[in-house]
């Protein structure tokens, strides 16, 4: 019986080069890159390899995911890839201080409270000017939604009514006044990379809404 804990995510293998290229203009030259919901750990590994001057801190609340991250780190991890942390955006424990926060493909397969927690904890962890980087599918006002994203949203909501493709405008509104949306990068397979920049003044985001307004969706 194999004891290899490494998980393989086909989407991560397909998208890792494009994601690294999209992130490059927004990442700091050095410092700690905190990844939330690292999943299999393949993105964290790839980014650590591509950006050796950054220290990459993966995390995931799932023990199986953390075992996979640790296994990838033991198998091929460079010295700037740290052991995974047990972090959950919906719980009270804060994020460690970082120079950038990255979250890939999480907020659509989690309750809206996870997005709010991600934003609030990132605001507390990041210094002014630092980026919060999100990757995944999003709806956008005034932009025709790809049929694949509509089908994906319907499938997610059938599996769990609290899940679903999020509206970019709803995420940006939740991030204010702590973050400003700096860039929207078109990605393969109808995904987006978003760069939110931590503002130099302003309180942490308000947690006034437990869910997105329904009008934010097409």
N, C-alpha and C. Protein backbone atom coordinates (compact mmCIF):
# COMPACT_ATOMS: atom_id res chain seq x y z
N UNK A 1 0.84 -1.20 0.00
CA UNK A 1 0.00 0.00 0.00
C UNK A 1 0.88 1.25 0.00
N UNK A 2 0.55 2.21 -0.88
CA UNK A 2 1.34 3.43 -0.96
C UNK A 2 1.07 4.33 0.24
N UNK A 3 2.14 4.94 0.75
CA UNK A 3 1.99 5.88 1.86
C UNK A 3 2.24 7.32 1.40
N UNK A 4 2.30 7.52 0.10
CA UNK A 4 2.52 8.86 -0.44
C UNK A 4 1.27 9.70 -0.23
N UNK A 5 1.38 10.75 0.57
CA UNK A 5 0.22 11.60 0.89
C UNK A 5 -0.02 12.68 -0.13
N UNK A 6 0.84 12.79 -1.15
CA UNK A 6 0.68 13.86 -2.13
C UNK A 6 -0.62 13.72 -2.91
N UNK A 7 -1.36 14.84 -3.00
CA UNK A 7 -2.55 14.90 -3.83
C UNK A 7 -2.20 15.59 -5.15
N UNK A 8 -2.92 15.21 -6.19
CA UNK A 8 -2.69 15.78 -7.51
C UNK A 8 -3.98 16.43 -7.99
N UNK A 9 -3.93 17.74 -8.23
CA UNK A 9 -5.09 18.49 -8.73
C UNK A 9 -4.83 18.81 -10.20
N UNK A 10 -5.56 18.19 -11.12
CA UNK A 10 -5.31 18.45 -12.55
C UNK A 10 -5.37 19.92 -12.91
N UNK A 11 -6.29 20.67 -12.30
CA UNK A 11 -6.40 22.10 -12.61
C UNK A 11 -5.14 22.86 -12.19
N UNK A 12 -4.55 22.45 -11.07
CA UNK A 12 -3.32 23.12 -10.63
C UNK A 12 -2.19 22.89 -11.62
N UNK A 13 -2.09 21.67 -12.14
CA UNK A 13 -1.05 21.39 -13.12
C UNK A 13 -1.25 22.19 -14.40
N UNK A 14 -2.51 22.37 -14.79
CA UNK A 14 -2.80 23.12 -16.02
C UNK A 14 -2.56 24.61 -15.86
N UNK A 15 -2.86 25.15 -14.68
CA UNK A 15 -2.93 26.60 -14.51
C UNK A 15 -1.74 27.22 -13.80
N UNK A 16 -0.82 26.41 -13.28
CA UNK A 16 0.21 26.97 -12.41
C UNK A 16 1.13 27.96 -13.12
N UNK A 17 1.49 27.68 -14.38
CA UNK A 17 2.36 28.60 -15.09
C UNK A 17 1.66 29.92 -15.37
N UNK A 18 0.39 29.84 -15.82
CA UNK A 18 -0.37 31.06 -16.10
C UNK A 18 -0.58 31.86 -14.83
N UNK A 19 -0.84 31.17 -13.71
CA UNK A 19 -1.06 31.89 -12.45
C UNK A 19 0.22 32.58 -11.99
N UNK A 20 1.35 31.88 -12.07
CA UNK A 20 2.61 32.49 -11.65
C UNK A 20 2.91 33.73 -12.49
N UNK A 21 2.64 33.65 -13.80
CA UNK A 21 2.89 34.80 -14.67
C UNK A 21 1.97 35.96 -14.32
N UNK A 22 0.70 35.67 -13.99
CA UNK A 22 -0.25 36.73 -13.64
C UNK A 22 0.11 37.37 -12.31
N UNK A 23 0.63 36.59 -11.38
CA UNK A 23 0.96 37.12 -10.05
C UNK A 23 2.24 37.94 -10.04
N UNK A 24 3.15 37.64 -10.94
CA UNK A 24 4.48 38.24 -10.90
C UNK A 24 4.47 39.76 -10.76
N UNK A 25 3.63 40.52 -11.51
CA UNK A 25 3.69 41.98 -11.38
C UNK A 25 3.24 42.51 -10.03
N UNK A 26 2.53 41.71 -9.26
CA UNK A 26 1.93 42.20 -8.02
C UNK A 26 2.63 41.70 -6.76
N UNK A 27 3.45 40.68 -6.89
CA UNK A 27 4.12 40.12 -5.73
C UNK A 27 5.28 41.02 -5.29
N UNK A 28 5.54 41.08 -3.99
CA UNK A 28 6.71 41.84 -3.53
C UNK A 28 7.99 41.12 -3.94
N UNK A 29 9.09 41.85 -3.94
CA UNK A 29 10.38 41.26 -4.32
C UNK A 29 10.83 40.22 -3.32
N UNK A 30 10.45 40.41 -2.07
CA UNK A 30 10.84 39.46 -1.02
C UNK A 30 9.84 39.59 0.12
N UNK A 31 9.93 38.69 1.08
CA UNK A 31 9.00 38.69 2.20
C UNK A 31 8.18 37.42 2.21
N UNK A 32 7.13 37.41 3.02
CA UNK A 32 6.30 36.23 3.21
C UNK A 32 5.05 36.30 2.34
N UNK A 33 4.86 35.29 1.51
CA UNK A 33 3.62 35.10 0.75
C UNK A 33 2.80 34.05 1.47
N UNK A 34 1.68 34.45 2.05
CA UNK A 34 0.79 33.55 2.77
C UNK A 34 -0.29 33.06 1.82
N UNK A 35 -0.36 31.75 1.63
CA UNK A 35 -1.44 31.19 0.81
C UNK A 35 -2.49 30.58 1.72
N UNK A 36 -3.73 30.98 1.51
CA UNK A 36 -4.87 30.46 2.26
C UNK A 36 -5.57 29.41 1.40
N UNK A 37 -5.97 28.31 2.05
CA UNK A 37 -6.65 27.20 1.35
C UNK A 37 -5.75 26.64 0.24
N UNK A 38 -4.58 26.16 0.64
CA UNK A 38 -3.59 25.70 -0.32
C UNK A 38 -3.93 24.38 -0.98
N UNK A 39 -4.91 23.65 -0.44
CA UNK A 39 -5.33 22.41 -1.09
C UNK A 39 -4.21 21.40 -1.19
N UNK A 40 -3.97 20.90 -2.38
CA UNK A 40 -2.95 19.87 -2.59
C UNK A 40 -1.54 20.37 -2.29
N UNK A 41 -1.32 21.68 -2.37
CA UNK A 41 -0.01 22.26 -2.14
C UNK A 41 0.80 22.47 -3.41
N UNK A 42 0.24 22.11 -4.56
CA UNK A 42 0.99 22.21 -5.81
C UNK A 42 1.26 23.65 -6.22
N UNK A 43 0.30 24.54 -5.98
CA UNK A 43 0.55 25.95 -6.30
C UNK A 43 1.63 26.52 -5.39
N UNK A 44 1.56 26.21 -4.09
CA UNK A 44 2.58 26.71 -3.16
C UNK A 44 3.97 26.24 -3.57
N UNK A 45 4.07 24.97 -3.93
CA UNK A 45 5.35 24.42 -4.37
C UNK A 45 5.85 25.15 -5.62
N UNK A 46 4.98 25.32 -6.60
CA UNK A 46 5.38 25.94 -7.85
C UNK A 46 5.81 27.39 -7.63
N UNK A 47 5.06 28.12 -6.80
CA UNK A 47 5.40 29.52 -6.55
C UNK A 47 6.72 29.64 -5.79
N UNK A 48 6.95 28.74 -4.85
CA UNK A 48 8.23 28.76 -4.14
C UNK A 48 9.39 28.51 -5.10
N UNK A 49 9.17 27.64 -6.07
CA UNK A 49 10.22 27.37 -7.05
C UNK A 49 10.42 28.56 -7.99
N UNK A 50 9.34 29.21 -8.37
CA UNK A 50 9.41 30.31 -9.33
C UNK A 50 9.91 31.61 -8.70
N UNK A 51 9.66 31.79 -7.39
CA UNK A 51 10.02 33.04 -6.72
C UNK A 51 10.91 32.74 -5.51
N UNK A 52 12.17 32.42 -5.75
CA UNK A 52 13.04 31.97 -4.66
C UNK A 52 13.33 33.05 -3.61
N UNK A 53 13.12 34.32 -3.93
CA UNK A 53 13.35 35.37 -2.94
C UNK A 53 12.16 35.58 -2.01
N UNK A 54 11.04 34.94 -2.30
CA UNK A 54 9.89 34.98 -1.42
C UNK A 54 9.90 33.75 -0.51
N UNK A 55 9.36 33.90 0.69
CA UNK A 55 9.10 32.77 1.56
C UNK A 55 7.62 32.45 1.44
N UNK A 56 7.30 31.22 1.03
CA UNK A 56 5.92 30.83 0.78
C UNK A 56 5.41 30.04 1.97
N UNK A 57 4.33 30.56 2.57
CA UNK A 57 3.70 29.90 3.71
C UNK A 57 2.35 29.32 3.30
N UNK A 58 2.26 28.02 3.02
CA UNK A 58 0.96 27.42 2.70
C UNK A 58 0.14 27.17 3.96
N UNK A 59 -1.16 27.00 3.77
CA UNK A 59 -2.04 26.69 4.90
C UNK A 59 -3.30 26.02 4.38
N UNK A 60 -3.95 25.27 5.26
CA UNK A 60 -5.25 24.68 4.93
C UNK A 60 -5.86 24.13 6.21
N UNK A 61 -7.19 24.27 6.38
CA UNK A 61 -7.82 23.72 7.58
C UNK A 61 -8.00 22.21 7.53
N UNK A 62 -7.84 21.60 6.36
CA UNK A 62 -8.07 20.16 6.20
C UNK A 62 -6.80 19.38 6.48
N UNK A 63 -6.83 18.41 7.40
CA UNK A 63 -5.61 17.65 7.72
C UNK A 63 -5.05 16.89 6.51
N UNK A 64 -5.93 16.35 5.65
CA UNK A 64 -5.45 15.64 4.47
C UNK A 64 -4.72 16.56 3.51
N UNK A 65 -5.22 17.80 3.38
CA UNK A 65 -4.54 18.77 2.52
C UNK A 65 -3.19 19.13 3.11
N UNK A 66 -3.13 19.33 4.42
CA UNK A 66 -1.84 19.67 5.03
C UNK A 66 -0.85 18.52 4.89
N UNK A 67 -1.34 17.28 4.96
CA UNK A 67 -0.45 16.14 4.74
C UNK A 67 0.08 16.12 3.32
N UNK A 68 -0.77 16.48 2.36
CA UNK A 68 -0.34 16.55 0.97
C UNK A 68 0.71 17.65 0.79
N UNK A 69 0.46 18.82 1.37
CA UNK A 69 1.42 19.92 1.26
C UNK A 69 2.76 19.51 1.85
N UNK A 70 2.73 18.88 3.03
CA UNK A 70 3.96 18.45 3.68
C UNK A 70 4.69 17.41 2.83
N UNK A 71 3.94 16.53 2.17
CA UNK A 71 4.55 15.50 1.34
C UNK A 71 5.20 16.11 0.10
N UNK A 72 4.53 17.07 -0.53
CA UNK A 72 5.13 17.76 -1.68
C UNK A 72 6.39 18.51 -1.24
N UNK A 73 6.34 19.12 -0.07
CA UNK A 73 7.49 19.86 0.45
C UNK A 73 8.66 18.91 0.68
N UNK A 74 8.39 17.73 1.24
CA UNK A 74 9.45 16.76 1.49
C UNK A 74 10.00 16.19 0.19
N UNK A 75 9.12 16.07 -0.81
CA UNK A 75 9.52 15.45 -2.08
C UNK A 75 10.34 16.39 -2.95
N UNK A 76 9.90 17.66 -3.04
CA UNK A 76 10.53 18.56 -4.01
C UNK A 76 10.60 20.00 -3.56
N UNK A 77 10.30 20.25 -2.30
CA UNK A 77 10.19 21.63 -1.85
C UNK A 77 11.53 22.31 -1.68
N UNK A 78 11.65 23.54 -2.18
CA UNK A 78 12.86 24.33 -1.94
C UNK A 78 12.85 24.87 -0.51
N UNK A 79 13.95 25.41 -0.03
CA UNK A 79 14.02 25.88 1.36
C UNK A 79 13.09 27.04 1.68
N UNK A 80 12.61 27.76 0.68
CA UNK A 80 11.71 28.89 0.95
C UNK A 80 10.25 28.47 1.04
N UNK A 81 9.95 27.16 1.00
CA UNK A 81 8.60 26.65 1.20
C UNK A 81 8.48 26.14 2.63
N UNK A 82 7.61 26.78 3.43
CA UNK A 82 7.48 26.45 4.85
C UNK A 82 6.49 25.32 5.08
N UNK A 83 6.53 24.68 6.24
CA UNK A 83 5.52 23.67 6.58
C UNK A 83 4.13 24.32 6.64
N UNK A 84 3.09 23.55 6.30
CA UNK A 84 1.74 24.14 6.25
C UNK A 84 1.19 24.47 7.63
N UNK A 85 0.39 25.54 7.67
CA UNK A 85 -0.31 25.94 8.89
C UNK A 85 -1.77 25.52 8.83
N UNK A 86 -2.35 25.32 9.99
CA UNK A 86 -3.79 25.04 10.11
C UNK A 86 -4.51 26.38 10.28
N UNK A 87 -4.98 26.95 9.17
CA UNK A 87 -5.68 28.24 9.20
C UNK A 87 -7.05 28.07 8.55
N UNK A 88 -8.04 28.71 9.15
CA UNK A 88 -9.41 28.66 8.64
C UNK A 88 -9.95 30.09 8.61
N UNK A 89 -10.36 30.54 7.43
CA UNK A 89 -10.84 31.91 7.27
C UNK A 89 -12.10 32.19 8.08
N UNK A 90 -12.85 31.14 8.46
CA UNK A 90 -14.10 31.35 9.17
C UNK A 90 -13.93 31.31 10.69
N UNK A 91 -12.72 31.04 11.17
CA UNK A 91 -12.50 30.94 12.61
C UNK A 91 -11.79 32.18 13.14
N UNK A 92 -11.68 32.26 14.46
CA UNK A 92 -11.22 33.50 15.09
C UNK A 92 -9.71 33.70 15.00
N UNK A 93 -8.93 32.63 14.86
CA UNK A 93 -7.48 32.77 14.88
C UNK A 93 -7.01 33.68 13.75
N UNK A 94 -6.12 34.62 14.05
CA UNK A 94 -5.66 35.56 13.02
C UNK A 94 -4.68 34.90 12.05
N UNK A 95 -4.49 35.54 10.91
CA UNK A 95 -3.44 35.15 9.98
C UNK A 95 -2.11 35.71 10.47
N UNK A 96 -0.99 35.04 10.18
CA UNK A 96 0.30 35.62 10.51
C UNK A 96 0.59 36.83 9.63
N UNK A 97 1.44 37.68 10.10
CA UNK A 97 1.85 38.85 9.31
C UNK A 97 2.52 38.40 8.02
N UNK A 98 2.23 39.10 6.94
CA UNK A 98 2.74 38.71 5.63
C UNK A 98 2.90 39.94 4.76
N UNK A 99 3.66 39.79 3.68
CA UNK A 99 3.81 40.85 2.69
C UNK A 99 2.85 40.68 1.53
N UNK A 100 2.20 39.53 1.43
CA UNK A 100 1.18 39.27 0.40
C UNK A 100 0.35 38.08 0.85
N UNK A 101 -0.93 38.09 0.48
CA UNK A 101 -1.82 36.97 0.76
C UNK A 101 -2.41 36.51 -0.57
N UNK A 102 -2.44 35.20 -0.76
CA UNK A 102 -2.98 34.59 -1.98
C UNK A 102 -4.03 33.56 -1.61
N UNK A 103 -5.13 33.55 -2.36
CA UNK A 103 -6.17 32.54 -2.18
C UNK A 103 -6.64 32.09 -3.55
N UNK A 104 -6.48 30.81 -3.84
CA UNK A 104 -6.80 30.24 -5.15
C UNK A 104 -8.01 29.31 -5.02
N UNK A 105 -9.04 29.62 -5.79
CA UNK A 105 -10.19 28.70 -5.92
C UNK A 105 -10.78 28.29 -4.57
N UNK A 106 -11.01 29.27 -3.70
CA UNK A 106 -11.62 28.94 -2.42
C UNK A 106 -12.99 29.56 -2.22
N UNK A 107 -13.16 30.86 -2.55
CA UNK A 107 -14.36 31.54 -2.07
C UNK A 107 -15.64 31.05 -2.73
N UNK A 108 -15.56 30.36 -3.88
CA UNK A 108 -16.78 29.84 -4.49
C UNK A 108 -17.17 28.47 -3.94
N UNK A 109 -16.24 27.79 -3.25
CA UNK A 109 -16.57 26.49 -2.65
C UNK A 109 -16.52 26.58 -1.13
N UNK A 110 -16.97 27.71 -0.63
CA UNK A 110 -17.05 27.97 0.81
C UNK A 110 -18.18 28.95 1.04
N UNK A 111 -18.71 29.03 2.25
CA UNK A 111 -19.75 30.03 2.54
C UNK A 111 -19.21 31.44 2.35
N UNK A 112 -20.11 32.39 2.13
CA UNK A 112 -19.72 33.79 1.99
C UNK A 112 -18.95 34.29 3.20
N UNK A 113 -19.23 33.70 4.37
CA UNK A 113 -18.49 34.09 5.58
C UNK A 113 -17.00 33.82 5.43
N UNK A 114 -16.62 32.82 4.63
CA UNK A 114 -15.20 32.55 4.41
C UNK A 114 -14.54 33.67 3.63
N UNK A 115 -15.26 34.23 2.65
CA UNK A 115 -14.72 35.37 1.90
C UNK A 115 -14.56 36.57 2.82
N UNK A 116 -15.57 36.83 3.66
CA UNK A 116 -15.47 37.95 4.60
C UNK A 116 -14.32 37.75 5.58
N UNK A 117 -14.15 36.51 6.06
CA UNK A 117 -13.05 36.24 6.97
C UNK A 117 -11.71 36.39 6.30
N UNK A 118 -11.60 35.93 5.07
CA UNK A 118 -10.36 36.08 4.31
C UNK A 118 -9.99 37.55 4.18
N UNK A 119 -10.95 38.37 3.84
CA UNK A 119 -10.69 39.80 3.65
C UNK A 119 -10.31 40.46 4.97
N UNK A 120 -11.08 40.21 6.02
CA UNK A 120 -10.82 40.85 7.30
C UNK A 120 -9.49 40.44 7.90
N UNK A 121 -9.18 39.15 7.85
CA UNK A 121 -7.92 38.69 8.42
C UNK A 121 -6.73 39.14 7.59
N UNK A 122 -6.91 39.21 6.27
CA UNK A 122 -5.84 39.71 5.42
C UNK A 122 -5.58 41.19 5.69
N UNK A 123 -6.65 41.95 5.92
CA UNK A 123 -6.47 43.37 6.24
C UNK A 123 -5.65 43.56 7.50
N UNK A 124 -5.85 42.67 8.49
CA UNK A 124 -5.10 42.77 9.73
C UNK A 124 -3.66 42.28 9.57
N UNK A 125 -3.42 41.37 8.62
CA UNK A 125 -2.10 40.75 8.47
C UNK A 125 -1.18 41.51 7.54
N UNK A 126 -1.73 42.32 6.65
CA UNK A 126 -0.93 42.96 5.61
C UNK A 126 -0.59 44.41 5.95
N UNK A 127 0.59 44.86 5.60
CA UNK A 127 0.92 46.28 5.77
C UNK A 127 0.31 47.10 4.64
N UNK A 128 0.25 48.42 4.80
CA UNK A 128 -0.25 49.27 3.72
C UNK A 128 0.52 49.04 2.43
N UNK A 129 -0.23 48.98 1.32
CA UNK A 129 0.38 48.77 0.02
C UNK A 129 0.55 47.33 -0.38
N UNK A 130 0.32 46.39 0.53
CA UNK A 130 0.52 44.98 0.22
C UNK A 130 -0.68 44.41 -0.52
N UNK A 131 -0.47 43.35 -1.33
CA UNK A 131 -1.56 42.81 -2.13
C UNK A 131 -2.28 41.63 -1.49
N UNK A 132 -3.59 41.60 -1.69
CA UNK A 132 -4.43 40.42 -1.48
C UNK A 132 -4.81 39.92 -2.87
N UNK A 133 -4.41 38.70 -3.21
CA UNK A 133 -4.55 38.18 -4.57
C UNK A 133 -5.53 37.01 -4.57
N UNK A 134 -6.55 37.11 -5.41
CA UNK A 134 -7.56 36.07 -5.51
C UNK A 134 -7.59 35.53 -6.93
N UNK A 135 -7.79 34.22 -7.04
CA UNK A 135 -7.90 33.58 -8.36
C UNK A 135 -9.12 32.67 -8.35
N UNK A 136 -9.85 32.68 -9.46
CA UNK A 136 -10.98 31.77 -9.60
C UNK A 136 -12.00 32.34 -10.56
N UNK A 137 -13.18 31.71 -10.64
CA UNK A 137 -14.26 32.23 -11.48
C UNK A 137 -15.02 33.33 -10.76
N UNK A 138 -15.45 34.35 -11.50
CA UNK A 138 -16.23 35.45 -10.95
C UNK A 138 -17.27 35.89 -11.97
N UNK A 139 -18.40 36.37 -11.47
CA UNK A 139 -19.34 37.11 -12.31
C UNK A 139 -18.94 38.58 -12.29
N UNK A 140 -19.19 39.27 -13.42
CA UNK A 140 -18.90 40.69 -13.49
C UNK A 140 -20.07 41.43 -14.11
N UNK A 141 -20.46 42.53 -13.51
CA UNK A 141 -21.55 43.34 -14.05
C UNK A 141 -21.16 43.87 -15.43
N UNK A 142 -22.07 43.74 -16.37
CA UNK A 142 -21.84 44.26 -17.70
C UNK A 142 -20.98 43.39 -18.58
N UNK A 143 -20.55 42.24 -18.08
CA UNK A 143 -19.73 41.31 -18.86
C UNK A 143 -20.49 40.00 -18.99
N UNK A 144 -20.69 39.56 -20.22
CA UNK A 144 -21.44 38.32 -20.43
C UNK A 144 -20.73 37.16 -19.75
N UNK A 145 -21.50 36.38 -18.99
CA UNK A 145 -20.94 35.25 -18.26
C UNK A 145 -20.81 34.05 -19.18
N UNK A 146 -19.66 33.39 -19.12
CA UNK A 146 -19.44 32.19 -19.92
C UNK A 146 -20.42 31.10 -19.50
N UNK A 147 -20.99 30.36 -20.46
CA UNK A 147 -21.90 29.27 -20.10
C UNK A 147 -21.28 28.28 -19.11
N UNK A 148 -19.98 28.05 -19.22
CA UNK A 148 -19.33 27.11 -18.30
C UNK A 148 -19.39 27.61 -16.86
N UNK A 149 -19.26 28.92 -16.65
CA UNK A 149 -19.34 29.46 -15.30
C UNK A 149 -20.77 29.43 -14.76
N UNK A 150 -21.75 29.64 -15.63
CA UNK A 150 -23.14 29.52 -15.20
C UNK A 150 -23.45 28.09 -14.78
N UNK A 151 -22.99 27.12 -15.57
CA UNK A 151 -23.22 25.72 -15.24
C UNK A 151 -22.49 25.35 -13.95
N UNK A 152 -21.26 25.87 -13.80
CA UNK A 152 -20.49 25.59 -12.59
C UNK A 152 -21.18 26.16 -11.36
N UNK A 153 -21.70 27.38 -11.48
CA UNK A 153 -22.42 28.00 -10.37
C UNK A 153 -23.64 27.18 -9.98
N UNK A 154 -24.40 26.73 -10.97
CA UNK A 154 -25.59 25.93 -10.69
C UNK A 154 -25.21 24.62 -10.00
N UNK A 155 -24.13 24.01 -10.44
CA UNK A 155 -23.67 22.76 -9.82
C UNK A 155 -23.24 22.98 -8.38
N UNK A 156 -22.50 24.07 -8.15
CA UNK A 156 -22.06 24.37 -6.79
C UNK A 156 -23.23 24.58 -5.85
N UNK A 157 -24.23 25.34 -6.29
CA UNK A 157 -25.37 25.65 -5.44
C UNK A 157 -26.25 24.43 -5.21
N UNK A 158 -26.26 23.50 -6.18
CA UNK A 158 -26.99 22.25 -5.97
C UNK A 158 -26.30 21.38 -4.92
N UNK A 159 -24.98 21.46 -4.89
CA UNK A 159 -24.22 20.69 -3.91
C UNK A 159 -24.29 21.30 -2.52
N UNK A 160 -24.29 22.66 -2.46
CA UNK A 160 -24.38 23.36 -1.19
C UNK A 160 -24.92 24.76 -1.46
N UNK A 161 -26.10 25.10 -0.96
CA UNK A 161 -26.68 26.42 -1.25
C UNK A 161 -25.82 27.59 -0.80
N UNK A 162 -24.88 27.36 0.12
CA UNK A 162 -24.01 28.44 0.58
C UNK A 162 -22.82 28.67 -0.34
N UNK A 163 -22.63 27.81 -1.33
CA UNK A 163 -21.54 27.96 -2.27
C UNK A 163 -22.02 28.70 -3.51
N UNK A 164 -21.11 29.03 -4.39
CA UNK A 164 -21.48 29.65 -5.66
C UNK A 164 -20.41 30.60 -6.17
N UNK A 165 -20.39 30.79 -7.48
CA UNK A 165 -19.48 31.75 -8.09
C UNK A 165 -19.84 33.15 -7.57
N UNK A 166 -18.86 33.89 -7.11
CA UNK A 166 -19.11 35.19 -6.49
C UNK A 166 -19.05 36.31 -7.51
N UNK A 167 -19.77 37.36 -7.24
CA UNK A 167 -19.73 38.55 -8.08
C UNK A 167 -18.53 39.40 -7.70
N UNK A 168 -17.75 39.78 -8.68
CA UNK A 168 -16.57 40.61 -8.42
C UNK A 168 -16.95 41.86 -7.65
N UNK A 169 -18.05 42.49 -8.02
CA UNK A 169 -18.47 43.74 -7.36
C UNK A 169 -18.81 43.50 -5.89
N UNK A 170 -19.39 42.34 -5.57
CA UNK A 170 -19.70 42.04 -4.18
C UNK A 170 -18.43 41.84 -3.36
N UNK A 171 -17.44 41.19 -3.95
CA UNK A 171 -16.17 40.99 -3.26
C UNK A 171 -15.47 42.32 -3.05
N UNK A 172 -15.46 43.17 -4.08
CA UNK A 172 -14.82 44.48 -3.95
C UNK A 172 -15.51 45.34 -2.90
N UNK A 173 -16.84 45.28 -2.84
CA UNK A 173 -17.57 46.04 -1.83
C UNK A 173 -17.25 45.55 -0.43
N UNK A 174 -17.15 44.22 -0.27
CA UNK A 174 -16.81 43.67 1.04
C UNK A 174 -15.40 44.06 1.47
N UNK A 175 -14.51 44.22 0.49
CA UNK A 175 -13.12 44.56 0.81
C UNK A 175 -12.92 46.01 1.21
N UNK A 176 -13.81 46.89 0.78
CA UNK A 176 -13.70 48.30 1.14
C UNK A 176 -14.12 48.48 2.61
N UNK A 177 -13.50 49.41 3.35
CA UNK A 177 -12.53 50.41 2.90
C UNK A 177 -11.07 50.03 3.11
N UNK A 178 -10.80 48.75 3.43
CA UNK A 178 -9.42 48.36 3.71
C UNK A 178 -8.61 48.10 2.45
N UNK A 179 -9.29 47.73 1.36
CA UNK A 179 -8.61 47.38 0.12
C UNK A 179 -9.23 48.13 -1.06
N UNK A 180 -8.40 48.39 -2.06
CA UNK A 180 -8.88 48.90 -3.34
C UNK A 180 -8.55 47.87 -4.41
N UNK A 181 -9.49 47.64 -5.32
CA UNK A 181 -9.25 46.72 -6.42
C UNK A 181 -8.34 47.40 -7.43
N UNK A 182 -7.13 46.87 -7.58
CA UNK A 182 -6.12 47.47 -8.43
C UNK A 182 -6.13 46.91 -9.84
N UNK A 183 -6.35 45.59 -9.98
CA UNK A 183 -6.22 44.98 -11.30
C UNK A 183 -7.11 43.75 -11.40
N UNK A 184 -7.60 43.52 -12.61
CA UNK A 184 -8.37 42.32 -12.97
C UNK A 184 -7.67 41.72 -14.18
N UNK A 185 -7.16 40.50 -14.03
CA UNK A 185 -6.39 39.85 -15.08
C UNK A 185 -7.18 38.68 -15.63
N UNK A 186 -7.46 38.71 -16.92
CA UNK A 186 -8.15 37.59 -17.58
C UNK A 186 -7.23 36.37 -17.59
N UNK A 187 -7.82 35.21 -17.25
CA UNK A 187 -7.07 33.97 -17.17
C UNK A 187 -7.71 32.89 -18.03
N UNK A 188 -6.99 31.81 -18.30
CA UNK A 188 -7.59 30.71 -19.07
C UNK A 188 -8.81 30.13 -18.37
N UNK A 189 -9.65 29.46 -19.17
CA UNK A 189 -10.84 28.76 -18.66
C UNK A 189 -11.80 29.69 -17.93
N UNK A 190 -11.90 30.94 -18.39
CA UNK A 190 -12.87 31.91 -17.87
C UNK A 190 -12.68 32.24 -16.39
N UNK A 191 -11.44 32.19 -15.93
CA UNK A 191 -11.11 32.59 -14.57
C UNK A 191 -10.50 33.99 -14.58
N UNK A 192 -10.36 34.56 -13.38
CA UNK A 192 -9.75 35.87 -13.21
C UNK A 192 -8.73 35.81 -12.08
N UNK A 193 -7.71 36.63 -12.20
CA UNK A 193 -6.84 36.93 -11.07
C UNK A 193 -7.13 38.37 -10.65
N UNK A 194 -7.43 38.57 -9.38
CA UNK A 194 -7.74 39.89 -8.84
C UNK A 194 -6.63 40.33 -7.90
N UNK A 195 -6.22 41.58 -8.03
CA UNK A 195 -5.27 42.16 -7.08
C UNK A 195 -5.97 43.26 -6.31
N UNK A 196 -6.14 43.07 -5.00
CA UNK A 196 -6.63 44.09 -4.09
C UNK A 196 -5.42 44.65 -3.33
N UNK A 197 -5.33 45.96 -3.24
CA UNK A 197 -4.17 46.59 -2.59
C UNK A 197 -4.60 47.16 -1.24
N UNK A 198 -3.87 46.82 -0.18
CA UNK A 198 -4.16 47.30 1.16
C UNK A 198 -3.95 48.81 1.20
N UNK A 199 -4.99 49.52 1.60
CA UNK A 199 -4.92 50.98 1.65
C UNK A 199 -4.12 51.44 2.86
N UNK A 200 -3.60 52.66 2.76
CA UNK A 200 -2.74 53.17 3.82
C UNK A 200 -3.52 53.73 5.01
N UNK A 201 -4.82 53.85 4.84
CA UNK A 201 -5.65 54.28 5.97
C UNK A 201 -6.99 53.61 5.82
N UNK A 202 -7.76 53.65 6.87
CA UNK A 202 -9.09 53.05 6.82
C UNK A 202 -9.17 51.83 7.71
N UNK A 203 -10.33 51.59 8.28
CA UNK A 203 -10.52 50.46 9.19
C UNK A 203 -10.58 49.16 8.43
N UNK A 204 -10.61 48.07 9.19
CA UNK A 204 -10.83 46.77 8.58
C UNK A 204 -12.22 46.73 7.97
N UNK A 205 -12.45 45.84 7.00
CA UNK A 205 -13.77 45.75 6.37
C UNK A 205 -14.86 45.43 7.38
N UNK A 206 -16.04 45.95 7.13
CA UNK A 206 -17.18 45.66 7.99
C UNK A 206 -17.69 44.26 7.69
N UNK A 207 -18.19 43.57 8.73
CA UNK A 207 -18.79 42.25 8.56
C UNK A 207 -20.30 42.39 8.79
N UNK A 208 -20.92 43.23 8.00
CA UNK A 208 -22.34 43.52 8.22
C UNK A 208 -23.25 42.55 7.49
N UNK A 209 -22.76 41.88 6.45
CA UNK A 209 -23.60 41.00 5.65
C UNK A 209 -23.12 39.57 5.79
N UNK A 210 -24.04 38.67 6.13
CA UNK A 210 -23.68 37.26 6.24
C UNK A 210 -23.67 36.58 4.88
N UNK A 211 -24.26 37.20 3.89
CA UNK A 211 -24.26 36.62 2.55
C UNK A 211 -24.30 37.74 1.54
N UNK A 212 -24.00 37.39 0.30
CA UNK A 212 -24.05 38.37 -0.76
C UNK A 212 -25.50 38.72 -1.07
N UNK A 213 -25.72 39.94 -1.52
CA UNK A 213 -27.04 40.30 -2.01
C UNK A 213 -27.34 39.53 -3.28
N UNK A 214 -28.55 39.05 -3.42
CA UNK A 214 -28.89 38.24 -4.59
C UNK A 214 -28.79 39.01 -5.88
N UNK A 215 -28.93 40.36 -5.81
CA UNK A 215 -28.87 41.14 -7.04
C UNK A 215 -27.46 41.18 -7.63
N UNK A 216 -26.47 40.70 -6.87
CA UNK A 216 -25.09 40.73 -7.37
C UNK A 216 -24.86 39.66 -8.43
N UNK A 217 -25.80 38.73 -8.58
CA UNK A 217 -25.63 37.65 -9.52
C UNK A 217 -26.44 37.91 -10.78
N UNK A 218 -25.96 37.37 -11.92
CA UNK A 218 -26.73 37.57 -13.16
C UNK A 218 -28.00 36.75 -13.16
